[in-house]
Amino acid sequence: MYGGGYIPEEEKRKQQHMEEDPAKLAEFEARIDNGEKIEPHDWMPAEYRKQLIRMIEQHAHSEIIGSLPEGTWITRAPSFKRKMALIAKVQDEIGHGQLLYNAAETLGKSREQMMQDLLTGKSKYSNVFNYPAKTWADVAVIGFLIDAAAIVNQVANSKGSYGPYSRALERICYEESFHLKQGHDAFVALATGTESQRAMLQDAVNRWYRPIIHFFGPSDKDSVHTGKLMRWKVKMMTNDAMRNQFLSSYVPKVWELGLSFPDPKLHKDDNGEWHFSDPNWDEFYQVIKGNGPCNAERLAVRSWVETQHKWIREALFNPNAKYTLPLS
């Protein structure tokens, strides 16, 4: 449903042979201008394929790695209701990762190679998942503000030009809307709770503020890929536009609850543009390079799972395996 087929090696070589054909490129861009979806077996420029793999693969990794900080709180959730909601959410996030890996595979990169590139640090994932969830308030902030930031990005890109990614995002956005409600409910419960609960939530907001500003990526003037990705509708909004939309929608919601952000310069001007203090982009790049607070821990967990569950994958893909009926 979300893929549309894998690309045989022979066809892949044929497409690569035509990649520099100006006529093919003009036809490709005309289809995008007309609002058509590009499907796996359609001709596409090498750079289009490369950037899509990079974007979808990173999104898939983010869904899988992003389930780890919340997953550690399942057994420590403050009520049975919260526990069940968090179990359901983590399950959804893993499912989103599978949909996205499927979409990336239609572009010719195997899931095994994607996982290998993740574990070696070659492939990246979102910066926000390299920070610790120290308290239950962190889970509330992740569920409300970080999921909200993700939805801004995903809703925009669901209107993109590549069919498998667009269709996967439509389902993901539908499920993420429920995650946002769950996060908002937990956030409001703490904001309207006891003095210690409000203090715990304010502390979490303070710690997550900068990573959330970083979430959308560097400023447009420093973004390397934005121009061409926008031209080919791989990316539907610039980093700064998505960040501004998020701030417009969610900063007032936090302020209404009597909470604040640790930035005295955070404000919206008369033109509707949000301004904030220097978010220290050096920290962002260090985290992306693998030097964040939890980078090593996150990849170590993922590597352990990959190793320990290898026998299951081998058993599932063994064509000679036989099912044995139980005797009793």
Protein backbone atom coordinates (compact mmCIF):
# COMPACT_ATOMS: atom_id res chain seq x y z
CA MET A 1 0.00 0.00 0.00
CA TYR A 2 2.74 2.47 0.93
CA GLY A 3 5.51 1.20 -1.26
CA GLY A 4 4.56 0.38 -4.78
CA GLY A 5 7.32 -2.07 -5.64
CA TYR A 6 11.04 -2.63 -5.40
CA ILE A 7 13.45 -1.66 -8.15
CA PRO A 8 15.21 -4.57 -9.89
CA GLU A 9 18.95 -4.12 -10.41
CA GLU A 10 18.57 -4.13 -14.21
CA GLU A 11 16.01 -1.32 -14.11
CA LYS A 12 18.11 0.62 -11.59
CA ARG A 13 21.11 0.50 -13.97
CA LYS A 14 18.88 1.61 -16.86
CA GLN A 15 17.63 4.61 -14.86
CA GLN A 16 21.16 5.55 -13.82
CA HIS A 17 22.21 5.52 -17.48
CA MET A 18 19.52 8.13 -18.27
CA GLU A 19 20.15 10.33 -15.23
CA GLU A 20 21.90 13.12 -17.15
CA ASP A 21 19.29 13.26 -19.92
CA PRO A 22 18.03 16.90 -20.04
CA ALA A 23 14.82 15.84 -21.75
CA LYS A 24 14.07 13.31 -19.01
CA LEU A 25 14.78 15.92 -16.34
CA ALA A 26 12.46 18.43 -17.99
CA GLU A 27 9.70 15.82 -18.21
CA PHE A 28 10.26 14.85 -14.58
CA GLU A 29 10.04 18.45 -13.35
CA ALA A 30 6.95 19.10 -15.47
CA ARG A 31 5.19 16.18 -13.77
CA ILE A 32 6.04 17.60 -10.37
CA ASP A 33 4.83 21.05 -11.41
CA ASN A 34 1.54 19.45 -12.46
CA GLY A 35 1.12 17.90 -9.02
CA GLU A 36 1.72 14.30 -10.10
CA LYS A 37 3.24 11.74 -7.75
CA ILE A 38 6.53 10.07 -8.63
CA GLU A 39 6.39 6.29 -8.14
CA PRO A 40 9.28 3.82 -7.61
CA HIS A 41 9.52 2.64 -11.21
CA ASP A 42 9.38 6.15 -12.68
CA TRP A 43 12.55 7.82 -13.91
CA MET A 44 14.04 10.24 -11.38
CA PRO A 45 17.29 12.21 -11.09
CA ALA A 46 20.02 10.61 -9.02
CA GLU A 47 20.01 13.57 -6.64
CA TYR A 48 16.24 13.24 -6.10
CA ARG A 49 16.66 9.55 -5.20
CA LYS A 50 19.64 10.28 -2.97
CA GLN A 51 17.92 13.06 -1.00
CA LEU A 52 14.72 11.05 -0.61
CA ILE A 53 16.65 8.08 0.78
CA ARG A 54 18.47 10.40 3.18
CA MET A 55 15.25 12.06 4.37
CA ILE A 56 13.05 8.96 4.65
CA GLU A 57 15.79 6.85 6.21
CA GLN A 58 16.49 9.51 8.85
CA HIS A 59 12.76 9.77 9.56
CA ALA A 60 12.51 6.00 9.98
CA HIS A 61 15.49 5.93 12.34
CA SER A 62 13.94 8.79 14.33
CA GLU A 63 10.72 6.84 14.85
CA ILE A 64 12.61 3.78 16.13
CA ILE A 65 15.16 5.62 18.29
CA GLY A 66 12.48 8.07 19.41
CA SER A 67 10.54 5.27 21.09
CA LEU A 68 13.44 4.57 23.48
CA PRO A 69 13.20 7.52 25.92
CA GLU A 70 9.43 7.04 26.25
CA GLY A 71 9.73 3.26 26.38
CA THR A 72 11.84 3.50 29.52
CA TRP A 73 8.90 5.20 31.28
CA ILE A 74 6.28 2.53 30.55
CA THR A 75 6.94 0.71 33.81
CA ARG A 76 7.20 3.99 35.74
CA ALA A 77 4.12 5.79 34.38
CA PRO A 78 2.12 7.36 37.24
CA SER A 79 -1.12 5.47 36.58
CA PHE A 80 -2.48 2.44 34.75
CA LYS A 81 -4.18 4.74 32.24
CA ARG A 82 -0.92 6.54 31.47
CA LYS A 83 0.90 3.23 31.20
CA MET A 84 -1.55 1.82 28.65
CA ALA A 85 -1.50 5.03 26.60
CA LEU A 86 2.30 5.03 26.53
CA ILE A 87 2.45 1.36 25.49
CA ALA A 88 0.09 2.11 22.59
CA LYS A 89 2.11 5.14 21.56
CA VAL A 90 5.46 3.33 21.56
CA GLN A 91 3.90 0.53 19.53
CA ASP A 92 2.66 3.08 16.99
CA GLU A 93 6.10 4.69 16.70
CA ILE A 94 7.73 1.34 15.90
CA GLY A 95 5.04 0.76 13.28
CA HIS A 96 5.77 4.16 11.75
CA GLY A 97 9.40 3.21 11.46
CA GLN A 98 8.47 0.04 9.56
CA LEU A 99 6.28 1.99 7.11
CA LEU A 100 9.11 4.44 6.46
CA TYR A 101 11.74 1.73 6.00
CA ASN A 102 9.38 0.18 3.44
CA ALA A 103 9.12 3.51 1.62
CA ALA A 104 12.91 3.96 1.61
CA GLU A 105 13.41 0.42 0.29
CA THR A 106 11.41 1.31 -2.84
CA LEU A 107 14.26 3.67 -3.74
CA GLY A 108 16.76 0.82 -3.84
CA LYS A 109 18.41 0.79 -0.41
CA SER A 110 17.95 -2.35 1.66
CA ARG A 111 16.71 -2.26 5.24
CA GLU A 112 19.81 -4.16 6.34
CA GLN A 113 22.04 -1.45 4.87
CA MET A 114 19.97 1.28 6.48
CA MET A 115 20.30 -0.37 9.87
CA GLN A 116 24.02 -0.89 9.40
CA ASP A 117 24.45 2.78 8.50
CA LEU A 118 22.51 3.78 11.61
CA LEU A 119 24.64 1.66 13.93
CA THR A 120 27.91 2.91 12.41
CA GLY A 121 26.81 6.54 12.65
CA LYS A 122 26.69 7.09 8.89
CA SER A 123 22.92 7.68 8.92
CA LYS A 124 21.47 10.22 11.33
CA TYR A 125 18.23 10.67 13.25
CA SER A 126 16.55 13.61 14.95
CA ASN A 127 18.64 15.55 17.47
CA VAL A 128 15.87 15.58 20.12
CA PHE A 129 16.14 11.86 20.78
CA ASN A 130 19.66 12.23 22.13
CA TYR A 131 18.52 13.89 25.35
CA PRO A 132 17.49 12.07 28.54
CA ALA A 133 13.92 11.78 29.83
CA LYS A 134 14.71 12.40 33.50
CA THR A 135 11.17 12.72 34.87
CA TRP A 136 7.57 12.01 33.92
CA ALA A 137 7.36 15.67 32.89
CA ASP A 138 9.87 14.94 30.13
CA VAL A 139 7.46 12.37 28.73
CA ALA A 140 4.71 15.00 28.76
CA VAL A 141 6.92 17.51 26.94
CA ILE A 142 7.92 14.90 24.36
CA GLY A 143 4.31 13.85 23.83
CA PHE A 144 3.03 17.41 23.50
CA LEU A 145 5.69 19.77 22.15
CA ILE A 146 8.04 17.41 20.30
CA ASP A 147 5.19 15.46 18.72
CA ALA A 148 3.62 18.79 17.75
CA ALA A 149 6.88 19.84 16.07
CA ALA A 150 7.00 16.51 14.23
CA ILE A 151 3.41 16.92 13.02
CA VAL A 152 4.21 20.34 11.54
CA ASN A 153 6.97 18.72 9.50
CA GLN A 154 5.04 15.59 8.56
CA VAL A 155 1.81 17.29 7.51
CA ALA A 156 3.77 19.53 5.16
CA ASN A 157 5.79 16.69 3.63
CA SER A 158 2.71 14.47 3.22
CA LYS A 159 1.89 16.70 0.25
CA GLY A 160 5.27 15.98 -1.34
CA SER A 161 6.04 14.52 -4.75
CA TYR A 162 7.15 10.96 -3.91
CA GLY A 163 4.11 8.69 -3.71
CA PRO A 164 5.27 6.03 -1.21
CA TYR A 165 6.52 8.62 1.30
CA SER A 166 3.44 10.81 0.89
CA ARG A 167 1.06 7.90 1.47
CA ALA A 168 3.01 6.66 4.50
CA LEU A 169 2.92 10.14 6.03
CA GLU A 170 -0.85 10.39 5.61
CA ARG A 171 -1.32 7.41 7.92
CA ILE A 172 1.45 8.48 10.28
CA CYS A 173 -0.05 11.96 10.69
CA TYR A 174 -3.44 10.45 11.50
CA GLU A 175 -1.94 8.38 14.32
CA GLU A 176 0.33 11.19 15.51
CA SER A 177 -2.72 13.36 16.13
CA PHE A 178 -3.75 10.88 18.84
CA HIS A 179 -0.24 10.99 20.30
CA LEU A 180 -0.48 14.75 20.48
CA LYS A 181 -3.75 14.52 22.41
CA GLN A 182 -2.19 12.07 24.84
CA GLY A 183 0.81 14.34 25.35
CA HIS A 184 -1.36 17.43 25.76
CA ASP A 185 -3.49 15.67 28.37
CA ALA A 186 -0.40 14.68 30.39
CA PHE A 187 1.08 18.17 29.99
CA VAL A 188 -2.08 19.94 31.19
CA ALA A 189 -2.45 17.52 34.12
CA LEU A 190 0.98 18.52 35.41
CA ALA A 191 0.52 22.22 34.64
CA THR A 192 -2.70 22.31 36.67
CA GLY A 193 -1.45 19.97 39.39
CA THR A 194 0.44 20.52 42.59
CA GLU A 195 3.20 23.08 43.04
CA SER A 196 5.85 20.36 42.79
CA GLN A 197 4.27 18.97 39.59
CA ARG A 198 4.28 22.43 37.99
CA ALA A 199 7.90 22.93 39.03
CA MET A 200 8.83 19.56 37.53
CA LEU A 201 7.09 20.47 34.27
CA GLN A 202 8.72 23.91 34.10
CA ASP A 203 12.11 22.30 34.59
CA ALA A 204 11.42 19.90 31.71
CA VAL A 205 10.27 22.77 29.44
CA ASN A 206 13.46 24.66 30.27
CA ARG A 207 15.67 21.69 29.37
CA TRP A 208 13.85 20.83 26.14
CA TYR A 209 13.46 24.37 24.79
CA ARG A 210 16.75 24.52 22.89
CA PRO A 211 16.55 20.97 21.44
CA ILE A 212 13.04 21.82 20.18
CA ILE A 213 14.32 24.98 18.46
CA HIS A 214 17.04 22.79 16.92
CA PHE A 215 14.49 20.17 15.83
CA PHE A 216 13.63 21.90 12.54
CA GLY A 217 17.26 22.16 11.52
CA PRO A 218 19.53 25.15 10.87
CA SER A 219 18.36 28.49 9.58
CA ASP A 220 17.43 28.57 5.89
CA LYS A 221 20.55 30.57 5.06
CA ASP A 222 22.66 27.69 6.41
CA SER A 223 20.57 24.81 5.06
CA VAL A 224 22.45 23.05 2.26
CA HIS A 225 19.65 21.04 0.62
CA THR A 226 16.55 23.23 0.96
CA GLY A 227 16.51 24.93 -2.48
CA LYS A 228 16.57 21.83 -4.66
CA LEU A 229 14.37 19.82 -2.28
CA MET A 230 11.72 22.54 -2.42
CA ARG A 231 11.98 22.68 -6.23
CA TRP A 232 11.31 18.93 -6.47
CA LYS A 233 8.70 18.95 -3.68
CA VAL A 234 10.69 16.55 -1.57
CA LYS A 235 10.48 19.19 1.15
CA MET A 236 7.38 21.37 1.24
CA MET A 237 8.35 24.04 3.79
CA THR A 238 11.66 25.62 4.75
CA ASN A 239 13.17 25.04 8.19
CA ASP A 240 12.44 28.59 9.32
CA ALA A 241 8.84 28.46 8.06
CA MET A 242 8.15 25.22 9.96
CA ARG A 243 9.79 26.56 13.11
CA ASN A 244 7.72 29.74 12.89
CA GLN A 245 4.49 27.79 12.39
CA PHE A 246 5.26 25.63 15.42
CA LEU A 247 6.06 28.62 17.64
CA SER A 248 2.88 30.42 16.54
CA SER A 249 0.73 27.41 17.37
CA TYR A 250 2.26 26.18 20.62
CA VAL A 251 4.09 28.95 22.48
CA PRO A 252 0.75 30.66 23.31
CA LYS A 253 -0.65 27.33 24.57
CA VAL A 254 2.25 26.99 27.01
CA TRP A 255 1.97 30.60 28.13
CA GLU A 256 -1.76 30.18 28.76
CA LEU A 257 -0.92 27.49 31.31
CA GLY A 258 1.25 29.94 33.23
CA LEU A 259 4.54 28.36 32.12
CA SER A 260 7.45 30.12 30.48
CA PHE A 261 10.38 29.46 28.17
CA PRO A 262 13.98 30.17 29.23
CA ASP A 263 14.42 32.85 26.56
CA PRO A 264 13.75 36.54 27.31
CA LYS A 265 14.02 37.37 23.60
CA LEU A 266 11.26 34.98 22.52
CA HIS A 267 8.54 37.11 20.91
CA LYS A 268 6.49 37.57 17.74
CA ASP A 269 6.84 40.78 15.75
CA ASP A 270 4.11 42.72 13.97
CA ASN A 271 4.67 40.67 10.81
CA GLY A 272 3.99 37.38 12.60
CA GLU A 273 7.62 36.30 12.68
CA TRP A 274 9.02 34.78 15.84
CA HIS A 275 12.41 35.83 17.20
CA PHE A 276 14.52 34.05 19.79
CA SER A 277 18.00 34.09 21.30
CA ASP A 278 20.93 32.42 19.57
CA PRO A 279 20.09 28.71 20.01
CA ASN A 280 23.76 27.62 19.95
CA TRP A 281 23.93 25.76 16.68
CA ASP A 282 27.30 24.34 17.71
CA GLU A 283 25.42 22.13 20.18
CA PHE A 284 23.07 20.99 17.40
CA TYR A 285 25.94 19.96 15.13
CA GLN A 286 27.75 18.19 17.98
CA VAL A 287 24.62 16.15 18.75
CA ILE A 288 24.12 15.29 15.07
CA LYS A 289 27.75 14.18 14.86
CA GLY A 290 27.15 11.72 17.71
CA ASN A 291 28.39 13.72 20.68
CA GLY A 292 25.08 14.37 22.44
CA PRO A 293 24.17 13.32 25.99
CA CYS A 294 22.54 10.03 24.94
CA ASN A 295 23.90 9.26 21.45
CA ALA A 296 26.05 6.36 22.59
CA GLU A 297 23.34 4.94 24.83
CA ARG A 298 20.66 5.08 22.13
CA LEU A 299 22.82 3.30 19.55
CA ALA A 300 24.04 0.77 22.11
CA VAL A 301 20.44 -0.24 22.86
CA ARG A 302 19.62 -0.48 19.15
CA SER A 303 22.77 -2.52 18.52
CA TRP A 304 21.95 -4.91 21.38
CA VAL A 305 18.46 -5.51 19.98
CA GLU A 306 19.87 -6.06 16.49
CA THR A 307 22.31 -8.67 17.79
CA GLN A 308 20.04 -10.46 20.24
CA HIS A 309 17.15 -10.77 17.79
CA LYS A 310 19.22 -11.83 14.79
CA TRP A 311 18.12 -15.45 15.21
CA ILE A 312 14.47 -14.44 14.82
CA ARG A 313 15.14 -12.72 11.49
CA GLU A 314 17.13 -15.68 10.27
CA ALA A 315 14.36 -18.08 11.24
CA LEU A 316 11.68 -16.00 9.52
CA PHE A 317 13.62 -15.81 6.27
CA ASN A 318 14.71 -19.46 6.22
CA PRO A 319 12.95 -21.02 3.19
CA ASN A 320 13.60 -24.54 4.50
CA ALA A 321 12.03 -23.97 7.92
CA LYS A 322 9.15 -26.28 8.78
CA TYR A 323 6.30 -25.61 11.18
CA THR A 324 5.90 -28.36 13.77
CA LEU A 325 2.50 -28.95 15.33
CA PRO A 326 2.54 -29.30 19.14
CA LEU A 327 1.70 -32.77 20.48
CA SER A 328 -0.46 -31.44 23.27
